[in-house]
C-alpha atoms as a PDB file:
ATOM      1  CA  UNK A   1       5.244 -10.935 -31.508  1.00  0.00           C
ATOM      2  CA  UNK A   2       5.734  -7.156 -31.501  1.00  0.00           C
ATOM      3  CA  UNK A   3       3.333  -5.010 -29.538  1.00  0.00           C
ATOM      4  CA  UNK A   4       1.501  -2.076 -31.057  1.00  0.00           C
ATOM      5  CA  UNK A   5       3.380   1.184 -31.609  1.00  0.00           C
ATOM      6  CA  UNK A   6       0.514   2.934 -29.807  1.00  0.00           C
ATOM      7  CA  UNK A   7       1.203   0.933 -26.644  1.00  0.00           C
ATOM      8  CA  UNK A   8       4.865   1.912 -26.814  1.00  0.00           C
ATOM      9  CA  UNK A   9       4.020   5.590 -27.304  1.00  0.00           C
ATOM     10  CA  UNK A  10       1.556   5.533 -24.404  1.00  0.00           C
ATOM     11  CA  UNK A  11       4.071   3.850 -22.109  1.00  0.00           C
ATOM     12  CA  UNK A  12       6.735   6.372 -23.117  1.00  0.00           C
ATOM     13  CA  UNK A  13       4.451   9.307 -22.344  1.00  0.00           C
ATOM     14  CA  UNK A  14       3.552   7.798 -18.955  1.00  0.00           C
ATOM     15  CA  UNK A  15       7.283   7.300 -18.370  1.00  0.00           C
ATOM     16  CA  UNK A  16       7.935  10.968 -19.138  1.00  0.00           C
ATOM     17  CA  UNK A  17       5.019  12.110 -16.962  1.00  0.00           C
ATOM     18  CA  UNK A  18       6.115  10.043 -13.980  1.00  0.00           C
ATOM     19  CA  UNK A  19       9.677  11.257 -14.462  1.00  0.00           C
ATOM     20  CA  UNK A  20       8.432  14.841 -14.451  1.00  0.00           C
ATOM     21  CA  UNK A  21       6.493  14.309 -11.208  1.00  0.00           C
ATOM     22  CA  UNK A  22       9.549  12.734  -9.576  1.00  0.00           C
ATOM     23  CA  UNK A  23      11.723  15.567 -10.854  1.00  0.00           C
ATOM     24  CA  UNK A  24       9.440  18.301  -9.456  1.00  0.00           C
ATOM     25  CA  UNK A  25       9.207  16.488  -6.132  1.00  0.00           C
ATOM     26  CA  UNK A  26      12.982  16.095  -5.849  1.00  0.00           C
ATOM     27  CA  UNK A  27      13.650  19.676  -6.935  1.00  0.00           C
ATOM     28  CA  UNK A  28      11.253  20.952  -4.245  1.00  0.00           C
ATOM     29  CA  UNK A  29      13.083  18.964  -1.563  1.00  0.00           C
ATOM     30  CA  UNK A  30      16.463  20.119  -2.874  1.00  0.00           C
ATOM     31  CA  UNK A  31      15.494  23.793  -3.004  1.00  0.00           C
ATOM     32  CA  UNK A  32      14.027  23.767   0.514  1.00  0.00           C
ATOM     33  CA  UNK A  33      17.221  22.135   1.751  1.00  0.00           C
ATOM     34  CA  UNK A  34      19.493  24.713   0.092  1.00  0.00           C
ATOM     35  CA  UNK A  35      17.493  27.756   1.204  1.00  0.00           C
ATOM     36  CA  UNK A  36      17.042  26.383   4.713  1.00  0.00           C
ATOM     37  CA  UNK A  37      13.247  26.388   4.680  1.00  0.00           C
ATOM     38  CA  UNK A  38      11.239  23.648   6.385  1.00  0.00           C
ATOM     39  CA  UNK A  39       9.450  21.182   4.132  1.00  0.00           C
ATOM     40  CA  UNK A  40       5.738  22.044   3.957  1.00  0.00           C
ATOM     41  CA  UNK A  41       4.049  18.812   4.936  1.00  0.00           C
ATOM     42  CA  UNK A  42       0.693  19.897   6.322  1.00  0.00           C
ATOM     43  CA  UNK A  43      -0.426  17.988   9.367  1.00  0.00           C
ATOM     44  CA  UNK A  44       2.218  15.288   8.840  1.00  0.00           C
ATOM     45  CA  UNK A  45       5.319  15.844  10.954  1.00  0.00           C
ATOM     46  CA  UNK A  46       7.620  13.270   9.396  1.00  0.00           C
ATOM     47  CA  UNK A  47       8.721  15.345   6.416  1.00  0.00           C
ATOM     48  CA  UNK A  48      10.934  17.718   8.344  1.00  0.00           C
ATOM     49  CA  UNK A  49      12.239  14.923  10.581  1.00  0.00           C
ATOM     50  CA  UNK A  50      13.372  12.945   7.536  1.00  0.00           C
ATOM     51  CA  UNK A  51      14.552  15.985   5.542  1.00  0.00           C
ATOM     52  CA  UNK A  52      16.727  17.231   8.395  1.00  0.00           C
ATOM     53  CA  UNK A  53      18.128  13.834   9.391  1.00  0.00           C
ATOM     54  CA  UNK A  54      21.743  12.842   8.877  1.00  0.00           C
ATOM     55  CA  UNK A  55      20.510  10.355   6.263  1.00  0.00           C
ATOM     56  CA  UNK A  56      19.193  13.095   3.959  1.00  0.00           C
ATOM     57  CA  UNK A  57      22.615  13.948   2.496  1.00  0.00           C
ATOM     58  CA  UNK A  58      25.767  12.220   1.322  1.00  0.00           C
ATOM     59  CA  UNK A  59      28.956  14.243   1.804  1.00  0.00           C
ATOM     60  CA  UNK A  60      26.824  17.344   2.250  1.00  0.00           C
ATOM     61  CA  UNK A  61      24.912  16.800  -1.002  1.00  0.00           C
ATOM     62  CA  UNK A  62      21.166  16.319  -0.492  1.00  0.00           C
ATOM     63  CA  UNK A  63      19.924  12.918  -1.626  1.00  0.00           C
ATOM     64  CA  UNK A  64      17.046  14.767  -3.269  1.00  0.00           C
ATOM     65  CA  UNK A  65      19.558  16.375  -5.653  1.00  0.00           C
ATOM     66  CA  UNK A  66      20.653  12.911  -6.754  1.00  0.00           C
ATOM     67  CA  UNK A  67      16.968  12.098  -7.228  1.00  0.00           C
ATOM     68  CA  UNK A  68      16.383  15.223  -9.314  1.00  0.00           C
ATOM     69  CA  UNK A  69      19.346  14.314 -11.527  1.00  0.00           C
ATOM     70  CA  UNK A  70      18.063  10.730 -11.817  1.00  0.00           C
ATOM     71  CA  UNK A  71      14.617  11.885 -12.968  1.00  0.00           C
ATOM     72  CA  UNK A  72      16.103  14.523 -15.275  1.00  0.00           C
ATOM     73  CA  UNK A  73      18.315  11.849 -16.847  1.00  0.00           C
ATOM     74  CA  UNK A  74      15.322   9.639 -17.605  1.00  0.00           C
ATOM     75  CA  UNK A  75      13.189  12.496 -18.919  1.00  0.00           C
ATOM     76  CA  UNK A  76      15.972  13.651 -21.253  1.00  0.00           C
ATOM     77  CA  UNK A  77      16.644  10.089 -22.359  1.00  0.00           C
ATOM     78  CA  UNK A  78      12.935   9.544 -23.056  1.00  0.00           C
ATOM     79  CA  UNK A  79      12.673  12.737 -25.095  1.00  0.00           C
ATOM     80  CA  UNK A  80      15.874  11.798 -26.915  1.00  0.00           C
ATOM     81  CA  UNK A  81      14.377   8.422 -27.790  1.00  0.00           C
ATOM     82  CA  UNK A  82      11.140  10.002 -29.047  1.00  0.00           C
ATOM     83  CA  UNK A  83      13.227  12.276 -31.257  1.00  0.00           C
ATOM     84  CA  UNK A  84      15.905   9.852 -32.459  1.00  0.00           C
ATOM     85  CA  UNK A  85      14.389   6.371 -32.043  1.00  0.00           C
ATOM     86  CA  UNK A  86      17.838   5.209 -30.990  1.00  0.00           C
ATOM     87  CA  UNK A  87      17.535   1.644 -29.642  1.00  0.00           C
ATOM     88  CA  UNK A  88      20.190   2.437 -27.019  1.00  0.00           C
ATOM     89  CA  UNK A  89      17.260   3.688 -24.929  1.00  0.00           C
ATOM     90  CA  UNK A  90      15.996   0.101 -24.532  1.00  0.00           C
ATOM     91  CA  UNK A  91      19.475  -1.045 -23.517  1.00  0.00           C
ATOM     92  CA  UNK A  92      19.649   1.570 -20.743  1.00  0.00           C
ATOM     93  CA  UNK A  93      16.172   0.908 -19.299  1.00  0.00           C
ATOM     94  CA  UNK A  94      17.387  -1.743 -16.816  1.00  0.00           C
ATOM     95  CA  UNK A  95      19.249   1.083 -15.049  1.00  0.00           C
ATOM     96  CA  UNK A  96      15.876   2.168 -13.620  1.00  0.00           C
ATOM     97  CA  UNK A  97      16.501  -0.652 -11.152  1.00  0.00           C
ATOM     98  CA  UNK A  98      19.100   1.595  -9.464  1.00  0.00           C
ATOM     99  CA  UNK A  99      16.412   4.136  -8.563  1.00  0.00           C
ATOM    100  CA  UNK A 100      14.082   1.374  -7.430  1.00  0.00           C
ATOM    101  CA  UNK A 101      16.710  -0.187  -5.148  1.00  0.00           C
ATOM    102  CA  UNK A 102      17.725   3.226  -3.776  1.00  0.00           C
ATOM    103  CA  UNK A 103      14.060   3.944  -3.017  1.00  0.00           C
ATOM    104  CA  UNK A 104      13.696   0.632  -1.184  1.00  0.00           C
ATOM    105  CA  UNK A 105      16.758   1.378   0.932  1.00  0.00           C
ATOM    106  CA  UNK A 106      15.719   4.958   1.695  1.00  0.00           C
ATOM    107  CA  UNK A 107      12.160   3.916   2.543  1.00  0.00           C
ATOM    108  CA  UNK A 108      13.575   1.285   4.876  1.00  0.00           C
ATOM    109  CA  UNK A 109      15.716   3.942   6.569  1.00  0.00           C
ATOM    110  CA  UNK A 110      12.637   6.130   7.030  1.00  0.00           C
ATOM    111  CA  UNK A 111      10.585   3.298   8.512  1.00  0.00           C
ATOM    112  CA  UNK A 112      13.124   1.458  10.640  1.00  0.00           C
ATOM    113  CA  UNK A 113      15.899   3.924  11.482  1.00  0.00           C
ATOM    114  CA  UNK A 114      14.429   7.434  11.496  1.00  0.00           C
ATOM    115  CA  UNK A 115      10.956   6.175  12.451  1.00  0.00           C
ATOM    116  CA  UNK A 116       9.245   8.903  10.405  1.00  0.00           C
ATOM    117  CA  UNK A 117       7.670   9.114   6.967  1.00  0.00           C
ATOM    118  CA  UNK A 118       8.173  11.956   4.509  1.00  0.00           C
ATOM    119  CA  UNK A 119       5.298  12.161   2.027  1.00  0.00           C
ATOM    120  CA  UNK A 120       7.556  13.783  -0.560  1.00  0.00           C
ATOM    121  CA  UNK A 121       9.998  10.908  -0.170  1.00  0.00           C
ATOM    122  CA  UNK A 122       7.149   8.418  -0.567  1.00  0.00           C
ATOM    123  CA  UNK A 123       6.102  10.226  -3.765  1.00  0.00           C
ATOM    124  CA  UNK A 124       9.662   9.971  -5.051  1.00  0.00           C
ATOM    125  CA  UNK A 125       9.810   6.272  -4.152  1.00  0.00           C
ATOM    126  CA  UNK A 126       6.494   5.714  -5.938  1.00  0.00           C
ATOM    127  CA  UNK A 127       7.814   7.599  -8.972  1.00  0.00           C
ATOM    128  CA  UNK A 128      11.016   5.573  -9.181  1.00  0.00           C
ATOM    129  CA  UNK A 129       9.029   2.354  -8.701  1.00  0.00           C
ATOM    130  CA  UNK A 130       6.667   3.382 -11.508  1.00  0.00           C
ATOM    131  CA  UNK A 131       9.639   4.126 -13.794  1.00  0.00           C
ATOM    132  CA  UNK A 132      11.040   0.689 -12.978  1.00  0.00           C
ATOM    133  CA  UNK A 133       7.731  -1.027 -13.823  1.00  0.00           C
ATOM    134  CA  UNK A 134       7.191   1.100 -16.927  1.00  0.00           C
ATOM    135  CA  UNK A 135      10.663   0.159 -18.151  1.00  0.00           C
ATOM    136  CA  UNK A 136       9.433  -3.452 -18.465  1.00  0.00           C
ATOM    137  CA  UNK A 137       6.293  -2.327 -20.304  1.00  0.00           C
ATOM    138  CA  UNK A 138       8.359  -0.184 -22.674  1.00  0.00           C
ATOM    139  CA  UNK A 139      10.865  -2.944 -23.353  1.00  0.00           C
ATOM    140  CA  UNK A 140       8.089  -5.425 -24.075  1.00  0.00           C
ATOM    141  CA  UNK A 141       6.124  -2.972 -26.223  1.00  0.00           C
ATOM    142  CA  UNK A 142       9.272  -1.988 -28.095  1.00  0.00           C
ATOM    143  CA  UNK A 143      10.569  -5.491 -28.726  1.00  0.00           C
ATOM    144  CA  UNK A 144      10.585  -6.321 -32.396  1.00  0.00           C
ATOM    145  CA  UNK A 145       9.455  -2.868 -33.466  1.00  0.00           C
ATOM    146  CA  UNK A 146      11.198  -1.193 -36.327  1.00  0.00           C
ATOM    147  CA  UNK A 147      12.081   2.449 -36.227  1.00  0.00           C
ATOM    148  CA  UNK A 148       9.598   3.181 -39.016  1.00  0.00           C
ATOM    149  CA  UNK A 149       6.597   1.530 -37.327  1.00  0.00           C
ATOM    150  CA  UNK A 150       7.134   3.291 -34.029  1.00  0.00           C
ATOM    151  CA  UNK A 151       7.102   6.716 -35.645  1.00  0.00           C
ATOM    152  CA  UNK A 152       4.458   6.106 -38.314  1.00  0.00           C
ATOM    153  CA  UNK A 153       1.288   8.171 -37.897  1.00  0.00           C
ATOM    154  CA  UNK A 154      -2.024   6.395 -37.328  1.00  0.00           C
ATOM    155  CA  UNK A 155      -4.385   6.668 -40.288  1.00  0.00           C
END
């Protein structure tokens, strides 16, 4: 049985909001890395330890840049879906699992290898986890919907 179009719209807007938070977080980490500034982490000391570790880049490219591109991809794809209602969006949603798995691995490296926690990295991991969970909500809410019912205004 199809879910309500309102539930799909709400889930999509949450998806976009979480993607935006993850994007801002990743961009901040990327910019601080490129300009050589320390990560402002308040009274927590783990941010700079993690951000300056050898695990924070792959071939000289900050992991946070990959994160920013990941979140940008999902935000653009979500906006594209809202505009076009192309069902390809639902087909691509399982790819959020890549961000979720990457977050699990990177969180494990923070905890067990570097032995420090970066709050910005935790926020990014939470964002990618939320996108992963929301992808299931969106797929369920969008199953069986027609393009007309998703876009129809509520009267």
